[in-house]
Protein backbone atom coordinates (compact mmCIF):
# COMPACT_ATOMS: atom_id res chain seq x y z
CA MET A 1 49.54 -147.68 -41.72
CA SER A 2 45.32 -148.97 -41.66
CA ASN A 3 43.21 -147.90 -42.65
CA PHE A 4 40.54 -149.80 -40.90
CA GLN A 5 37.60 -150.47 -43.01
CA SER A 6 36.14 -153.35 -42.59
CA VAL A 7 37.20 -156.19 -43.95
CA ASP A 8 35.37 -159.54 -45.12
CA ASP A 9 38.50 -162.46 -43.43
CA LEU A 10 41.43 -162.70 -41.88
CA ASN A 11 43.24 -164.59 -44.56
CA GLY A 12 47.33 -164.05 -43.81
CA LYS A 13 46.25 -163.39 -40.36
CA VAL A 14 47.60 -165.27 -36.72
CA ALA A 15 45.38 -164.92 -33.47
CA VAL A 16 46.86 -166.21 -30.62
CA ILE A 17 43.96 -166.80 -28.01
CA ILE A 18 45.30 -167.04 -24.44
CA GLY A 19 42.67 -169.83 -22.62
CA GLY A 20 42.33 -171.21 -26.19
CA ASN A 21 41.29 -174.05 -24.23
CA GLY A 22 38.05 -172.87 -22.67
CA ALA A 23 34.49 -173.02 -23.66
CA VAL A 24 34.89 -168.92 -25.04
CA GLY A 25 37.88 -169.07 -26.19
CA PHE A 26 37.98 -172.73 -28.21
CA ALA A 27 34.58 -170.44 -29.72
CA THR A 28 36.34 -168.07 -30.78
CA ALA A 29 39.40 -169.36 -32.70
CA GLN A 30 36.57 -171.94 -34.13
CA ARG A 31 35.43 -168.05 -35.80
CA LEU A 32 37.96 -167.06 -37.26
CA ALA A 33 39.97 -170.17 -38.27
CA LYS A 34 36.86 -169.82 -40.16
CA LEU A 35 38.06 -167.02 -41.88
CA GLY A 36 41.51 -168.07 -42.63
CA ALA A 37 43.28 -167.45 -39.37
CA THR A 38 45.97 -169.59 -38.19
CA CYS A 39 44.58 -169.91 -34.58
CA VAL A 40 47.18 -170.63 -31.70
CA LEU A 41 45.85 -172.06 -28.44
CA ILE A 42 47.88 -170.73 -25.41
CA GLY A 43 47.13 -172.04 -21.66
CA ARG A 44 48.25 -174.47 -18.47
CA ASN A 45 47.65 -177.69 -20.19
CA ALA A 46 47.32 -176.63 -24.23
CA LEU A 47 49.12 -179.14 -25.25
CA GLU A 48 47.67 -181.56 -24.41
CA LYS A 49 44.06 -180.80 -24.00
CA GLY A 50 44.05 -178.80 -27.26
CA LYS A 51 45.49 -181.42 -29.93
CA GLU A 52 42.11 -182.73 -30.75
CA GLN A 53 40.53 -179.57 -30.67
CA LEU A 54 43.00 -177.82 -33.18
CA ASN A 55 41.81 -181.28 -35.05
CA LEU A 56 37.94 -179.44 -35.22
CA LEU A 57 39.50 -176.97 -36.97
CA PRO A 58 39.77 -175.77 -40.51
CA GLY A 59 43.66 -175.61 -42.07
CA SER A 60 46.51 -176.29 -41.24
CA LYS A 61 48.65 -174.15 -39.58
CA HIS A 62 47.28 -174.01 -36.32
CA LEU A 63 49.61 -174.77 -33.00
CA CYS A 64 48.98 -175.06 -29.41
CA LEU A 65 51.07 -173.25 -26.84
CA ASN A 66 51.67 -174.08 -23.06
CA ALA A 67 51.91 -170.99 -21.02
CA ASN A 68 50.50 -169.22 -17.22
CA ILE A 69 49.31 -166.14 -17.29
CA THR A 70 50.18 -165.74 -14.06
CA ASP A 71 53.67 -167.17 -14.83
CA SER A 72 54.61 -163.68 -17.22
CA ALA A 73 58.41 -165.40 -18.76
CA SER A 74 56.57 -168.00 -19.88
CA LEU A 75 54.28 -165.36 -22.01
CA VAL A 76 57.46 -164.79 -23.05
CA ALA A 77 58.89 -167.67 -24.38
CA ALA A 78 55.10 -168.22 -25.85
CA ALA A 79 55.51 -164.87 -27.70
CA SER A 80 59.25 -166.06 -28.53
CA GLU A 81 57.99 -169.22 -30.33
CA VAL A 82 54.85 -167.24 -32.26
CA ASN A 83 57.35 -165.46 -33.50
CA SER A 84 59.52 -168.00 -34.53
CA ARG A 85 57.41 -170.18 -35.76
CA LEU A 86 54.87 -167.97 -38.03
CA GLY A 87 56.44 -165.05 -37.84
CA ARG A 88 53.68 -162.35 -36.64
CA CYS A 89 50.72 -161.99 -34.45
CA ASP A 90 48.28 -159.72 -35.46
CA ILE A 91 45.61 -160.69 -33.07
CA LEU A 92 45.27 -161.25 -28.99
CA VAL A 93 42.36 -162.81 -27.48
CA ASN A 94 43.10 -163.20 -24.02
CA SER A 95 39.88 -165.13 -22.16
CA ALA A 96 41.44 -167.05 -19.37
CA GLY A 97 40.96 -166.67 -16.17
CA PHE A 98 40.07 -167.32 -12.44
CA THR A 99 37.19 -167.36 -9.58
CA LYS A 100 35.71 -168.56 -6.73
CA PRO A 101 31.74 -167.08 -5.78
CA VAL A 102 31.44 -165.97 -2.80
CA PRO A 103 28.32 -163.38 -1.55
CA ALA A 104 29.36 -159.66 -1.84
CA ALA A 105 28.41 -159.54 1.51
CA ASN A 106 30.40 -161.90 3.03
CA LEU A 107 34.18 -160.24 3.82
CA ASP A 108 35.21 -163.94 5.50
CA ASP A 109 35.59 -165.76 2.93
CA LEU A 110 37.26 -163.33 0.41
CA THR A 111 41.03 -163.92 1.93
CA ASP A 112 43.68 -162.39 1.47
CA GLU A 113 44.63 -165.58 -1.25
CA LEU A 114 41.90 -165.66 -3.44
CA ILE A 115 42.09 -162.26 -3.99
CA ASP A 116 45.53 -162.11 -4.78
CA ASP A 117 44.91 -165.52 -7.44
CA VAL A 118 41.18 -163.76 -9.19
CA LEU A 119 43.41 -159.97 -9.36
CA LYS A 120 46.62 -161.87 -11.10
CA SER A 121 44.99 -164.08 -13.25
CA ASN A 122 42.14 -161.75 -14.91
CA PHE A 123 43.78 -158.27 -14.29
CA ARG A 124 47.78 -158.99 -14.17
CA GLY A 125 47.83 -161.77 -16.27
CA VAL A 126 46.49 -159.53 -19.17
CA LEU A 127 48.78 -157.07 -19.05
CA ALA A 128 51.40 -159.68 -18.91
CA SER A 129 50.20 -161.06 -22.14
CA ILE A 130 50.01 -158.05 -23.83
CA ARG A 131 53.34 -156.86 -22.85
CA ALA A 132 54.86 -160.54 -24.35
CA PHE A 133 52.76 -160.28 -27.37
CA GLN A 134 52.83 -156.49 -28.09
CA SER A 135 56.26 -156.22 -30.23
CA LEU A 136 54.72 -158.34 -32.66
CA LEU A 137 51.41 -156.53 -32.40
CA LYS A 138 52.23 -153.59 -33.41
CA ALA A 139 55.61 -154.97 -36.48
CA ASN A 140 52.36 -155.27 -38.99
CA SER A 141 50.85 -151.46 -37.73
CA ASP A 142 48.03 -153.38 -37.48
CA GLY A 143 47.50 -155.34 -34.54
CA LEU A 144 44.12 -156.44 -32.14
CA VAL A 145 43.45 -156.53 -28.81
CA VAL A 146 40.13 -158.37 -27.46
CA ASN A 147 39.72 -159.02 -24.12
CA VAL A 148 36.75 -160.69 -21.95
CA SER A 149 35.95 -158.74 -19.75
CA SER A 150 32.50 -158.78 -17.94
CA ILE A 151 29.07 -156.19 -17.54
CA SER A 152 30.33 -156.82 -12.83
CA ALA A 153 33.34 -154.66 -13.56
CA PHE A 154 29.96 -152.03 -14.22
CA THR A 155 27.49 -153.96 -12.45
CA GLY A 156 28.80 -154.46 -9.42
CA VAL A 157 28.08 -158.08 -9.74
CA GLY A 158 29.95 -160.83 -9.87
CA SER A 159 31.03 -163.92 -8.47
CA ASN A 160 33.34 -162.61 -6.11
CA LEU A 161 34.14 -158.94 -5.64
CA ALA A 162 37.33 -158.83 -6.09
CA TYR A 163 36.70 -160.41 -9.43
CA VAL A 164 33.99 -157.25 -10.12
CA ALA A 165 37.42 -155.14 -9.13
CA ALA A 166 39.91 -157.01 -11.67
CA LYS A 167 36.86 -156.72 -14.38
CA ALA A 168 36.95 -153.37 -14.07
CA SER A 169 40.21 -151.98 -13.08
CA LEU A 170 40.24 -154.49 -16.29
CA ASP A 171 38.14 -152.28 -18.77
CA ILE A 172 39.76 -148.85 -17.95
CA VAL A 173 43.57 -149.76 -17.92
CA SER A 174 42.06 -151.13 -21.98
CA GLU A 175 40.88 -147.27 -22.74
CA SER A 176 44.03 -146.47 -21.38
CA LEU A 177 46.03 -148.61 -23.55
CA ALA A 178 43.96 -147.60 -26.32
CA LYS A 179 45.64 -144.58 -26.46
CA ALA A 180 48.74 -145.33 -25.84
CA LEU A 181 49.68 -148.07 -28.08
CA ALA A 182 47.25 -146.49 -31.62
CA PRO A 183 47.05 -146.26 -34.27
CA ASN A 184 49.36 -149.35 -34.63
CA ILE A 185 47.32 -151.52 -31.89
CA ARG A 186 43.61 -150.83 -31.69
CA VAL A 187 42.63 -152.35 -27.91
CA LEU A 188 38.93 -153.27 -27.00
CA CYS A 189 37.18 -155.28 -24.81
CA VAL A 190 33.87 -157.80 -24.50
CA SER A 191 32.09 -158.08 -21.79
CA PRO A 192 29.45 -160.68 -21.60
CA GLY A 193 26.89 -161.86 -18.31
CA VAL A 194 26.59 -164.93 -17.29
CA VAL A 195 27.83 -167.65 -19.81
CA ASP A 196 26.92 -171.42 -20.55
CA SER A 197 30.28 -172.57 -19.70
CA ALA A 198 32.30 -173.98 -16.84
CA PHE A 199 33.91 -170.87 -16.09
CA VAL A 200 32.73 -169.82 -12.80
CA PRO A 201 32.25 -173.67 -9.66
CA GLY A 202 28.40 -174.86 -9.36
CA ARG A 203 26.33 -172.79 -11.32
CA GLY A 204 24.14 -175.29 -12.62
CA GLY A 205 20.80 -175.53 -14.71
CA ASP A 206 18.89 -174.13 -11.70
CA PHE A 207 21.08 -170.63 -11.77
CA ASN A 208 20.56 -170.31 -15.57
CA GLU A 209 17.78 -170.89 -15.46
CA LYS A 210 16.43 -168.25 -13.03
CA THR A 211 19.14 -165.91 -14.43
CA ALA A 212 16.86 -167.11 -18.20
CA ALA A 213 14.03 -165.61 -16.83
CA THR A 214 15.07 -162.60 -15.25
CA THR A 215 16.82 -161.24 -18.57
CA PRO A 216 15.46 -159.12 -21.61
CA LEU A 217 15.79 -161.70 -24.06
CA LYS A 218 15.47 -164.33 -21.40
CA ARG A 219 18.68 -166.97 -22.25
CA ILE A 220 22.07 -166.42 -20.64
CA GLY A 221 24.68 -166.47 -23.04
CA ILE A 222 27.03 -169.17 -25.36
CA PRO A 223 29.89 -169.38 -25.49
CA ASP A 224 29.71 -168.90 -29.37
CA ASP A 225 27.84 -165.00 -28.19
CA VAL A 226 31.21 -164.21 -27.42
CA ALA A 227 33.33 -165.57 -30.14
CA SER A 228 30.76 -164.13 -33.09
CA ALA A 229 31.66 -160.54 -30.80
CA ILE A 230 35.65 -160.54 -31.26
CA GLU A 231 34.58 -162.25 -34.79
CA ALA A 232 33.40 -158.54 -35.20
CA CYS A 233 36.14 -156.99 -33.73
CA ALA A 234 38.53 -157.87 -36.24
CA THR A 235 36.26 -157.66 -39.01
CA ARG A 236 33.29 -155.66 -38.75
CA LEU A 237 34.02 -152.98 -35.27
CA ARG A 238 37.51 -152.46 -37.19
CA PHE A 239 36.87 -148.02 -37.01
CA SER A 240 36.68 -148.72 -32.77
CA THR A 241 39.25 -149.01 -30.24
CA GLY A 242 38.70 -148.27 -25.83
CA THR A 243 35.57 -149.05 -26.20
CA ARG A 244 33.39 -152.15 -24.45
CA ILE A 245 31.54 -154.30 -26.40
CA VAL A 246 28.81 -155.66 -24.33
CA ILE A 247 26.78 -158.74 -24.99
CA ASP A 248 24.51 -160.03 -22.46
CA GLY A 249 20.97 -160.29 -23.81
CA GLY A 250 20.24 -156.84 -21.79
CA ARG A 251 21.14 -158.58 -18.07
CA HIS A 252 22.91 -155.54 -16.99
CA LEU A 253 19.76 -152.90 -17.50
C-alpha cells in the first residue's frame, strides 16, 4: 500500500486521459509526460486527431485510442487495450464533456434531449470511465482518479442548468467514491471557472474580457492552470482524496 508521500516524478506510471485531445486534456498530458508518465489520449476521434499531439510529448510509448464516454462498451475496450499494451493504469483523468449555452431562465430551450446529452457526457460518462478502469487503477494499490468538474457545481451558475446539475452530481459522487475505493484509489475533483478554450460554443473575446474584469485575479483560466492542478494531485497532494481543488482566480467569491 502507498504511503501517500509527495513524489518528484511519475516515471513508470501510466496516465489515461479521457478527452486527451482537448485543450485541458492535452495540457495535462504535456505536464504528466514531462514528469515521466506514459500517456494514453482517449477521445471519439483520438486516432485521427492525436498522432501529431503524441509527437509533442516527451517519451515514446504514448498512445491514442478511440472511445466515446457515452458508449460504455468502448471504454471497456479501451481499458482492455491499455492493459494489453501497457500493463497498467495509475492515473485516470476525466476531462471530456459537452455543453451548450442556455440561459438559466430559458427553460423552454433546455430540452429533454439536451438535458440527457449533458448528463450522459458530463456525469454518466465519467462514472463509466471509472468503472471501466477501476480494476487497473486498484491493481497497484496507488491509483488516482482526477475528475475535471466546475465551480458551477457549487455556484449554480454555468452554461446551462443541466451542466450545473451534472457537475454538482460529479462532485458529491466523487466524495462517495473516494470513501468507497480507498485506500487503493484516490478520487479528486479539480474545479475551474471560465477557461480560455473552445469548450463552450459561442464564447469569444468579449465574454472573456468581461469575465476577467470581474474576477479577483483579473484574468480567466488557461488550460495549463487546470493541468498544473492535476499534476499537483498526482505529485504533491497525495494525502488528499474526496475533495475539490478550485482553480478559478477567485471567480466564485
